[in-house]
Amino acid sequence: MTSTKEPEMVNPTTPDPRVQLILDTIFGHMRISQSQRDALTDWLLDTQPRTASLEIGVLLSYLATQQPDLLKQLKANWRVKETLTSALASTLGG
């Protein structure tokens, strides 16, 4: 009797460590304006479901379209540069 293994399902409530690193950098380590932080916070509260983790592609898309200056600052930050570069390449095509 052969058994077929079911594909593993990703838990939507498991936080992506890349998202957490980027948010920690924005809110804890970067010198960015309070208005940029407030805009990101408002967007998170207004648009993201509270029952699921924020997806890296959704965050990067928001930053690219709504806060390109902040995204530029992140690209130059040594804490997240490598993580951000690979995430951008895999989610937004660069």
PDB file of N, CA and C in Angstrom:
ATOM      1  N   MET A   1       0.843  -1.166   0.000  1.00  0.00           N
ATOM      2  CA  MET A   1       0.000   0.000   0.000  1.00  0.00           C
ATOM      3  C   MET A   1       0.894   1.237   0.000  1.00  0.00           C
ATOM      4  N   THR A   2       0.690   2.093  -0.952  1.00  0.00           N
ATOM      5  CA  THR A   2       1.506   3.295  -1.035  1.00  0.00           C
ATOM      6  C   THR A   2       0.749   4.462  -0.433  1.00  0.00           C
ATOM      7  N   SER A   3       1.502   5.305   0.192  1.00  0.00           N
ATOM      8  CA  SER A   3       0.865   6.492   0.764  1.00  0.00           C
ATOM      9  C   SER A   3       1.394   7.724   0.052  1.00  0.00           C
ATOM     10  N   THR A   4       0.519   8.633  -0.180  1.00  0.00           N
ATOM     11  CA  THR A   4       0.938   9.889  -0.782  1.00  0.00           C
ATOM     12  C   THR A   4       0.925  10.950   0.293  1.00  0.00           C
ATOM     13  N   LYS A   5       1.996  11.663   0.334  1.00  0.00           N
ATOM     14  CA  LYS A   5       2.120  12.703   1.348  1.00  0.00           C
ATOM     15  C   LYS A   5       1.399  13.956   0.878  1.00  0.00           C
ATOM     16  N   GLU A   6       0.558  14.462   1.731  1.00  0.00           N
ATOM     17  CA  GLU A   6      -0.146  15.711   1.433  1.00  0.00           C
ATOM     18  C   GLU A   6       0.868  16.860   1.450  1.00  0.00           C
ATOM     19  N   PRO A   7       0.728  17.828   0.545  1.00  0.00           N
ATOM     20  CA  PRO A   7       1.640  18.974   0.592  1.00  0.00           C
ATOM     21  C   PRO A   7       1.429  19.763   1.885  1.00  0.00           C
ATOM     22  N   GLU A   8       2.524  20.256   2.414  1.00  0.00           N
ATOM     23  CA  GLU A   8       2.429  21.034   3.650  1.00  0.00           C
ATOM     24  C   GLU A   8       1.761  22.365   3.366  1.00  0.00           C
ATOM     25  N   MET A   9       0.848  22.710   4.223  1.00  0.00           N
ATOM     26  CA  MET A   9       0.174  23.996   4.108  1.00  0.00           C
ATOM     27  C   MET A   9       0.917  25.016   4.957  1.00  0.00           C
ATOM     28  N   VAL A  10       1.084  26.187   4.415  1.00  0.00           N
ATOM     29  CA  VAL A  10       1.728  27.255   5.160  1.00  0.00           C
ATOM     30  C   VAL A  10       0.687  27.908   6.048  1.00  0.00           C
ATOM     31  N   ASN A  11       1.027  28.073   7.284  1.00  0.00           N
ATOM     32  CA  ASN A  11       0.116  28.697   8.228  1.00  0.00           C
ATOM     33  C   ASN A  11       0.075  30.203   7.953  1.00  0.00           C
ATOM     34  N   PRO A  12      -1.081  30.746   7.592  1.00  0.00           N
ATOM     35  CA  PRO A  12      -1.150  32.176   7.262  1.00  0.00           C
ATOM     36  C   PRO A  12      -0.909  33.088   8.461  1.00  0.00           C
ATOM     37  N   THR A  13      -0.940  32.535   9.660  1.00  0.00           N
ATOM     38  CA  THR A  13      -0.704  33.378  10.831  1.00  0.00           C
ATOM     39  C   THR A  13       0.747  33.340  11.290  1.00  0.00           C
ATOM     40  N   THR A  14       1.590  32.542  10.628  1.00  0.00           N
ATOM     41  CA  THR A  14       3.008  32.512  10.973  1.00  0.00           C
ATOM     42  C   THR A  14       3.680  33.725  10.345  1.00  0.00           C
ATOM     43  N   PRO A  15       4.256  34.588  11.147  1.00  0.00           N
ATOM     44  CA  PRO A  15       4.862  35.798  10.597  1.00  0.00           C
ATOM     45  C   PRO A  15       6.096  35.493   9.750  1.00  0.00           C
ATOM     46  N   ASP A  16       6.243  36.243   8.694  1.00  0.00           N
ATOM     47  CA  ASP A  16       7.418  36.142   7.833  1.00  0.00           C
ATOM     48  C   ASP A  16       8.540  36.920   8.521  1.00  0.00           C
ATOM     49  N   PRO A  17       9.660  36.277   8.821  1.00  0.00           N
ATOM     50  CA  PRO A  17      10.738  36.979   9.520  1.00  0.00           C
ATOM     51  C   PRO A  17      11.303  38.147   8.722  1.00  0.00           C
ATOM     52  N   ARG A  18      11.172  38.102   7.399  1.00  0.00           N
ATOM     53  CA  ARG A  18      11.654  39.229   6.582  1.00  0.00           C
ATOM     54  C   ARG A  18      10.792  40.462   6.812  1.00  0.00           C
ATOM     55  N   VAL A  19       9.485  40.259   6.923  1.00  0.00           N
ATOM     56  CA  VAL A  19       8.568  41.374   7.195  1.00  0.00           C
ATOM     57  C   VAL A  19       8.891  41.971   8.561  1.00  0.00           C
ATOM     58  N   GLN A  20       9.089  41.099   9.538  1.00  0.00           N
ATOM     59  CA  GLN A  20       9.377  41.575  10.889  1.00  0.00           C
ATOM     60  C   GLN A  20      10.677  42.365  10.919  1.00  0.00           C
ATOM     61  N   LEU A  21      11.704  41.902  10.203  1.00  0.00           N
ATOM     62  CA  LEU A  21      12.982  42.610  10.147  1.00  0.00           C
ATOM     63  C   LEU A  21      12.814  43.997   9.533  1.00  0.00           C
ATOM     64  N   ILE A  22      12.059  44.075   8.446  1.00  0.00           N
ATOM     65  CA  ILE A  22      11.836  45.367   7.791  1.00  0.00           C
ATOM     66  C   ILE A  22      11.056  46.310   8.706  1.00  0.00           C
ATOM     67  N   LEU A  23       9.987  45.812   9.321  1.00  0.00           N
ATOM     68  CA  LEU A  23       9.197  46.666  10.215  1.00  0.00           C
ATOM     69  C   LEU A  23      10.012  47.089  11.438  1.00  0.00           C
ATOM     70  N   ASP A  24      10.788  46.164  12.001  1.00  0.00           N
ATOM     71  CA  ASP A  24      11.647  46.520  13.139  1.00  0.00           C
ATOM     72  C   ASP A  24      12.637  47.604  12.754  1.00  0.00           C
ATOM     73  N   THR A  25      13.164  47.515  11.548  1.00  0.00           N
ATOM     74  CA  THR A  25      14.123  48.517  11.083  1.00  0.00           C
ATOM     75  C   THR A  25      13.448  49.868  10.912  1.00  0.00           C
ATOM     76  N   ILE A  26      12.271  49.877  10.322  1.00  0.00           N
ATOM     77  CA  ILE A  26      11.546  51.134  10.119  1.00  0.00           C
ATOM     78  C   ILE A  26      11.178  51.785  11.449  1.00  0.00           C
ATOM     79  N   PHE A  27      10.622  50.997  12.344  1.00  0.00           N
ATOM     80  CA  PHE A  27      10.111  51.574  13.584  1.00  0.00           C
ATOM     81  C   PHE A  27      11.139  51.662  14.706  1.00  0.00           C
ATOM     82  N   GLY A  28      12.239  50.953  14.588  1.00  0.00           N
ATOM     83  CA  GLY A  28      13.175  50.943  15.696  1.00  0.00           C
ATOM     84  C   GLY A  28      14.575  51.428  15.420  1.00  0.00           C
ATOM     85  N   HIS A  29      14.995  51.372  14.174  1.00  0.00           N
ATOM     86  CA  HIS A  29      16.398  51.638  13.928  1.00  0.00           C
ATOM     87  C   HIS A  29      16.677  52.753  12.930  1.00  0.00           C
ATOM     88  N   MET A  30      15.706  53.103  12.140  1.00  0.00           N
ATOM     89  CA  MET A  30      15.954  54.084  11.089  1.00  0.00           C
ATOM     90  C   MET A  30      15.548  55.488  11.515  1.00  0.00           C
ATOM     91  N   ARG A  31      16.264  56.415  10.973  1.00  0.00           N
ATOM     92  CA  ARG A  31      15.883  57.821  11.148  1.00  0.00           C
ATOM     93  C   ARG A  31      14.971  58.202   9.989  1.00  0.00           C
ATOM     94  N   ILE A  32      13.692  58.001  10.223  1.00  0.00           N
ATOM     95  CA  ILE A  32      12.700  58.386   9.222  1.00  0.00           C
ATOM     96  C   ILE A  32      11.699  59.312   9.881  1.00  0.00           C
ATOM     97  N   SER A  33      10.981  60.019   9.061  1.00  0.00           N
ATOM     98  CA  SER A  33      10.050  60.999   9.611  1.00  0.00           C
ATOM     99  C   SER A  33       8.870  60.306  10.281  1.00  0.00           C
ATOM    100  N   GLN A  34       8.327  60.988  11.264  1.00  0.00           N
ATOM    101  CA  GLN A  34       7.149  60.459  11.956  1.00  0.00           C
ATOM    102  C   GLN A  34       5.975  60.333  10.997  1.00  0.00           C
ATOM    103  N   SER A  35       5.901  61.231  10.015  1.00  0.00           N
ATOM    104  CA  SER A  35       4.781  61.153   9.063  1.00  0.00           C
ATOM    105  C   SER A  35       4.871  59.881   8.213  1.00  0.00           C
ATOM    106  N   GLN A  36       6.081  59.427   7.876  1.00  0.00           N
ATOM    107  CA  GLN A  36       6.231  58.177   7.136  1.00  0.00           C
ATOM    108  C   GLN A  36       5.791  56.993   8.001  1.00  0.00           C
ATOM    109  N   ARG A  37       6.202  56.993   9.244  1.00  0.00           N
ATOM    110  CA  ARG A  37       5.792  55.925  10.159  1.00  0.00           C
ATOM    111  C   ARG A  37       4.282  55.920  10.352  1.00  0.00           C
ATOM    112  N   ASP A  38       3.714  57.122  10.534  1.00  0.00           N
ATOM    113  CA  ASP A  38       2.270  57.229  10.720  1.00  0.00           C
ATOM    114  C   ASP A  38       1.504  56.722   9.502  1.00  0.00           C
ATOM    115  N   ALA A  39       1.992  57.067   8.300  1.00  0.00           N
ATOM    116  CA  ALA A  39       1.328  56.619   7.075  1.00  0.00           C
ATOM    117  C   ALA A  39       1.372  55.092   6.966  1.00  0.00           C
ATOM    118  N   LEU A  40       2.508  54.507   7.294  1.00  0.00           N
ATOM    119  CA  LEU A  40       2.621  53.049   7.261  1.00  0.00           C
ATOM    120  C   LEU A  40       1.704  52.412   8.295  1.00  0.00           C
ATOM    121  N   THR A  41       1.684  52.957   9.486  1.00  0.00           N
ATOM    122  CA  THR A  41       0.810  52.438  10.538  1.00  0.00           C
ATOM    123  C   THR A  41      -0.653  52.525  10.121  1.00  0.00           C
ATOM    124  N   ASP A  42      -1.056  53.656   9.570  1.00  0.00           N
ATOM    125  CA  ASP A  42      -2.440  53.822   9.104  1.00  0.00           C
ATOM    126  C   ASP A  42      -2.783  52.796   8.034  1.00  0.00           C
ATOM    127  N   TRP A  43      -1.866  52.608   7.086  1.00  0.00           N
ATOM    128  CA  TRP A  43      -2.096  51.635   6.022  1.00  0.00           C
ATOM    129  C   TRP A  43      -2.249  50.226   6.596  1.00  0.00           C
ATOM    130  N   LEU A  44      -1.358  49.871   7.521  1.00  0.00           N
ATOM    131  CA  LEU A  44      -1.435  48.551   8.148  1.00  0.00           C
ATOM    132  C   LEU A  44      -2.774  48.343   8.849  1.00  0.00           C
ATOM    133  N   LEU A  45      -3.185  49.326   9.638  1.00  0.00           N
ATOM    134  CA  LEU A  45      -4.427  49.201  10.400  1.00  0.00           C
ATOM    135  C   LEU A  45      -5.667  49.235   9.520  1.00  0.00           C
ATOM    136  N   ASP A  46      -5.609  50.024   8.450  1.00  0.00           N
ATOM    137  CA  ASP A  46      -6.781  50.195   7.591  1.00  0.00           C
ATOM    138  C   ASP A  46      -6.962  49.095   6.552  1.00  0.00           C
ATOM    139  N   THR A  47      -5.886  48.446   6.140  1.00  0.00           N
ATOM    140  CA  THR A  47      -6.003  47.546   4.997  1.00  0.00           C
ATOM    141  C   THR A  47      -5.631  46.095   5.268  1.00  0.00           C
ATOM    142  N   GLN A  48      -4.912  45.819   6.319  1.00  0.00           N
ATOM    143  CA  GLN A  48      -4.421  44.460   6.526  1.00  0.00           C
ATOM    144  C   GLN A  48      -5.271  43.702   7.530  1.00  0.00           C
ATOM    145  N   PRO A  49      -5.610  42.456   7.185  1.00  0.00           N
ATOM    146  CA  PRO A  49      -6.417  41.659   8.110  1.00  0.00           C
ATOM    147  C   PRO A  49      -5.651  41.360   9.392  1.00  0.00           C
ATOM    148  N   ARG A  50      -6.356  41.355  10.485  1.00  0.00           N
ATOM    149  CA  ARG A  50      -5.707  41.110  11.768  1.00  0.00           C
ATOM    150  C   ARG A  50      -5.528  39.625  12.057  1.00  0.00           C
ATOM    151  N   THR A  51      -6.138  38.786  11.228  1.00  0.00           N
ATOM    152  CA  THR A  51      -6.072  37.342  11.460  1.00  0.00           C
ATOM    153  C   THR A  51      -4.997  36.653  10.629  1.00  0.00           C
ATOM    154  N   ALA A  52      -4.299  37.391   9.787  1.00  0.00           N
ATOM    155  CA  ALA A  52      -3.258  36.799   8.948  1.00  0.00           C
ATOM    156  C   ALA A  52      -2.010  37.660   9.006  1.00  0.00           C
ATOM    157  N   SER A  53      -0.895  37.029   8.773  1.00  0.00           N
ATOM    158  CA  SER A  53       0.370  37.753   8.773  1.00  0.00           C
ATOM    159  C   SER A  53       0.504  38.589   7.508  1.00  0.00           C
ATOM    160  N   LEU A  54       1.213  39.675   7.628  1.00  0.00           N
ATOM    161  CA  LEU A  54       1.490  40.545   6.492  1.00  0.00           C
ATOM    162  C   LEU A  54       2.455  39.840   5.548  1.00  0.00           C
ATOM    163  N   GLU A  55       2.122  39.799   4.285  1.00  0.00           N
ATOM    164  CA  GLU A  55       2.969  39.165   3.285  1.00  0.00           C
ATOM    165  C   GLU A  55       4.027  40.143   2.803  1.00  0.00           C
ATOM    166  N   ILE A  56       5.216  39.623   2.540  1.00  0.00           N
ATOM    167  CA  ILE A  56       6.339  40.463   2.121  1.00  0.00           C
ATOM    168  C   ILE A  56       6.019  41.206   0.823  1.00  0.00           C
ATOM    169  N   GLY A  57       5.383  40.544  -0.121  1.00  0.00           N
ATOM    170  CA  GLY A  57       5.053  41.192  -1.391  1.00  0.00           C
ATOM    171  C   GLY A  57       4.089  42.347  -1.234  1.00  0.00           C
ATOM    172  N   VAL A  58       3.144  42.194  -0.342  1.00  0.00           N
ATOM    173  CA  VAL A  58       2.161  43.257  -0.088  1.00  0.00           C
ATOM    174  C   VAL A  58       2.862  44.464   0.527  1.00  0.00           C
ATOM    175  N   LEU A  59       3.735  44.229   1.500  1.00  0.00           N
ATOM    176  CA  LEU A  59       4.474  45.326   2.128  1.00  0.00           C
ATOM    177  C   LEU A  59       5.367  46.037   1.123  1.00  0.00           C
ATOM    178  N   LEU A  60       6.097  45.277   0.325  1.00  0.00           N
ATOM    179  CA  LEU A  60       7.012  45.882  -0.644  1.00  0.00           C
ATOM    180  C   LEU A  60       6.264  46.634  -1.731  1.00  0.00           C
ATOM    181  N   SER A  61       5.121  46.112  -2.142  1.00  0.00           N
ATOM    182  CA  SER A  61       4.304  46.808  -3.139  1.00  0.00           C
ATOM    183  C   SER A  61       3.817  48.146  -2.595  1.00  0.00           C
ATOM    184  N   TYR A  62       3.368  48.140  -1.341  1.00  0.00           N
ATOM    185  CA  TYR A  62       2.944  49.394  -0.704  1.00  0.00           C
ATOM    186  C   TYR A  62       4.096  50.388  -0.664  1.00  0.00           C
ATOM    187  N   LEU A  63       5.254  49.943  -0.201  1.00  0.00           N
ATOM    188  CA  LEU A  63       6.401  50.841  -0.100  1.00  0.00           C
ATOM    189  C   LEU A  63       6.808  51.386  -1.467  1.00  0.00           C
ATOM    190  N   ALA A  64       6.796  50.531  -2.482  1.00  0.00           N
ATOM    191  CA  ALA A  64       7.191  50.956  -3.827  1.00  0.00           C
ATOM    192  C   ALA A  64       6.231  51.992  -4.411  1.00  0.00           C
ATOM    193  N   THR A  65       4.945  51.836  -4.139  1.00  0.00           N
ATOM    194  CA  THR A  65       3.969  52.749  -4.736  1.00  0.00           C
ATOM    195  C   THR A  65       3.648  53.960  -3.872  1.00  0.00           C
ATOM    196  N   GLN A  66       3.609  53.769  -2.557  1.00  0.00           N
ATOM    197  CA  GLN A  66       3.172  54.846  -1.674  1.00  0.00           C
ATOM    198  C   GLN A  66       4.302  55.563  -0.936  1.00  0.00           C
ATOM    199  N   GLN A  67       5.399  54.857  -0.697  1.00  0.00           N
ATOM    200  CA  GLN A  67       6.498  55.469   0.048  1.00  0.00           C
ATOM    201  C   GLN A  67       7.856  55.103  -0.582  1.00  0.00           C
ATOM    202  N   PRO A  68       8.062  55.521  -1.832  1.00  0.00           N
ATOM    203  CA  PRO A  68       9.312  55.160  -2.507  1.00  0.00           C
ATOM    204  C   PRO A  68      10.559  55.713  -1.812  1.00  0.00           C
ATOM    205  N   ASP A  69      10.453  56.851  -1.157  1.00  0.00           N
ATOM    206  CA  ASP A  69      11.608  57.396  -0.426  1.00  0.00           C
ATOM    207  C   ASP A  69      11.997  56.490   0.731  1.00  0.00           C
ATOM    208  N   LEU A  70      11.020  55.954   1.417  1.00  0.00           N
ATOM    209  CA  LEU A  70      11.283  55.031   2.517  1.00  0.00           C
ATOM    210  C   LEU A  70      11.903  53.744   1.985  1.00  0.00           C
ATOM    211  N   LEU A  71      11.395  53.248   0.869  1.00  0.00           N
ATOM    212  CA  LEU A  71      11.968  52.051   0.265  1.00  0.00           C
ATOM    213  C   LEU A  71      13.426  52.297  -0.125  1.00  0.00           C
ATOM    214  N   LYS A  72      13.705  53.469  -0.641  1.00  0.00           N
ATOM    215  CA  LYS A  72      15.088  53.820  -1.004  1.00  0.00           C
ATOM    216  C   LYS A  72      15.988  53.813   0.235  1.00  0.00           C
ATOM    217  N   GLN A  73      15.493  54.348   1.345  1.00  0.00           N
ATOM    218  CA  GLN A  73      16.256  54.329   2.593  1.00  0.00           C
ATOM    219  C   GLN A  73      16.512  52.896   3.052  1.00  0.00           C
ATOM    220  N   LEU A  74      15.517  52.050   2.925  1.00  0.00           N
ATOM    221  CA  LEU A  74      15.676  50.654   3.317  1.00  0.00           C
ATOM    222  C   LEU A  74      16.725  49.954   2.461  1.00  0.00           C
ATOM    223  N   LYS A  75      16.719  50.237   1.164  1.00  0.00           N
ATOM    224  CA  LYS A  75      17.687  49.606   0.264  1.00  0.00           C
ATOM    225  C   LYS A  75      19.118  49.961   0.646  1.00  0.00           C
ATOM    226  N   ALA A  76      19.311  51.099   1.278  1.00  0.00           N
ATOM    227  CA  ALA A  76      20.650  51.533   1.677  1.00  0.00           C
ATOM    228  C   ALA A  76      21.008  51.102   3.097  1.00  0.00           C
ATOM    229  N   ASN A  77      20.073  50.533   3.832  1.00  0.00           N
ATOM    230  CA  ASN A  77      20.311  50.169   5.226  1.00  0.00           C
ATOM    231  C   ASN A  77      20.966  48.796   5.308  1.00  0.00           C
ATOM    232  N   TRP A  78      22.108  48.723   5.953  1.00  0.00           N
ATOM    233  CA  TRP A  78      22.869  47.465   6.017  1.00  0.00           C
ATOM    234  C   TRP A  78      22.119  46.350   6.738  1.00  0.00           C
ATOM    235  N   ARG A  79      21.232  46.684   7.652  1.00  0.00           N
ATOM    236  CA  ARG A  79      20.505  45.648   8.401  1.00  0.00           C
ATOM    237  C   ARG A  79      19.564  44.836   7.517  1.00  0.00           C
ATOM    238  N   VAL A  80      19.011  45.484   6.523  1.00  0.00           N
ATOM    239  CA  VAL A  80      17.989  44.815   5.710  1.00  0.00           C
ATOM    240  C   VAL A  80      18.317  44.754   4.224  1.00  0.00           C
ATOM    241  N   LYS A  81      19.442  45.286   3.827  1.00  0.00           N
ATOM    242  CA  LYS A  81      19.757  45.403   2.404  1.00  0.00           C
ATOM    243  C   LYS A  81      19.674  44.059   1.674  1.00  0.00           C
ATOM    244  N   GLU A  82      20.328  43.041   2.190  1.00  0.00           N
ATOM    245  CA  GLU A  82      20.343  41.736   1.521  1.00  0.00           C
ATOM    246  C   GLU A  82      18.951  41.102   1.514  1.00  0.00           C
ATOM    247  N   THR A  83      18.283  41.152   2.641  1.00  0.00           N
ATOM    248  CA  THR A  83      16.925  40.602   2.746  1.00  0.00           C
ATOM    249  C   THR A  83      15.990  41.308   1.778  1.00  0.00           C
ATOM    250  N   LEU A  84      16.080  42.620   1.739  1.00  0.00           N
ATOM    251  CA  LEU A  84      15.217  43.417   0.882  1.00  0.00           C
ATOM    252  C   LEU A  84      15.493  43.142  -0.589  1.00  0.00           C
ATOM    253  N   THR A  85      16.758  43.063  -0.960  1.00  0.00           N
ATOM    254  CA  THR A  85      17.127  42.823  -2.348  1.00  0.00           C
ATOM    255  C   THR A  85      16.575  41.490  -2.846  1.00  0.00           C
ATOM    256  N   SER A  86      16.742  40.444  -2.044  1.00  0.00           N
ATOM    257  CA  SER A  86      16.233  39.128  -2.470  1.00  0.00           C
ATOM    258  C   SER A  86      14.698  39.101  -2.476  1.00  0.00           C
ATOM    259  N   ALA A  87      14.076  39.749  -1.513  1.00  0.00           N
ATOM    260  CA  ALA A  87      12.613  39.781  -1.463  1.00  0.00           C
ATOM    261  C   ALA A  87      12.049  40.560  -2.651  1.00  0.00           C
ATOM    262  N   LEU A  88      12.673  41.665  -2.984  1.00  0.00           N
ATOM    263  CA  LEU A  88      12.220  42.436  -4.137  1.00  0.00           C
ATOM    264  C   LEU A  88      12.362  41.643  -5.425  1.00  0.00           C
ATOM    265  N   ALA A  89      13.477  40.949  -5.561  1.00  0.00           N
ATOM    266  CA  ALA A  89      13.697  40.146  -6.767  1.00  0.00           C
ATOM    267  C   ALA A  89      12.668  39.033  -6.900  1.00  0.00           C
ATOM    268  N   SER A  90      12.296  38.435  -5.776  1.00  0.00           N
ATOM    269  CA  SER A  90      11.354  37.316  -5.850  1.00  0.00           C
ATOM    270  C   SER A  90       9.889  37.747  -5.904  1.00  0.00           C
ATOM    271  N   THR A  91       9.566  38.924  -5.402  1.00  0.00           N
ATOM    272  CA  THR A  91       8.152  39.318  -5.356  1.00  0.00           C
ATOM    273  C   THR A  91       7.767  40.372  -6.383  1.00  0.00           C
ATOM    274  N   LEU A  92       8.666  41.308  -6.633  1.00  0.00           N
ATOM    275  CA  LEU A  92       8.319  42.396  -7.547  1.00  0.00           C
ATOM    276  C   LEU A  92       9.155  42.395  -8.814  1.00  0.00           C
ATOM    277  N   GLY A  93      10.050  41.465  -8.939  1.00  0.00           N
ATOM    278  CA  GLY A  93      10.895  41.406 -10.115  1.00  0.00           C
ATOM    279  C   GLY A  93      12.029  42.409 -10.084  1.00  0.00           C
ATOM    280  N   GLY A  94      12.432  42.848  -8.888  1.00  0.00           N
ATOM    281  CA  GLY A  94      13.628  43.691  -8.784  1.00  0.00           C
ATOM    282  C   GLY A  94      13.360  45.010  -8.276  1.00  0.00           C
TER     283      GLY A  94
END
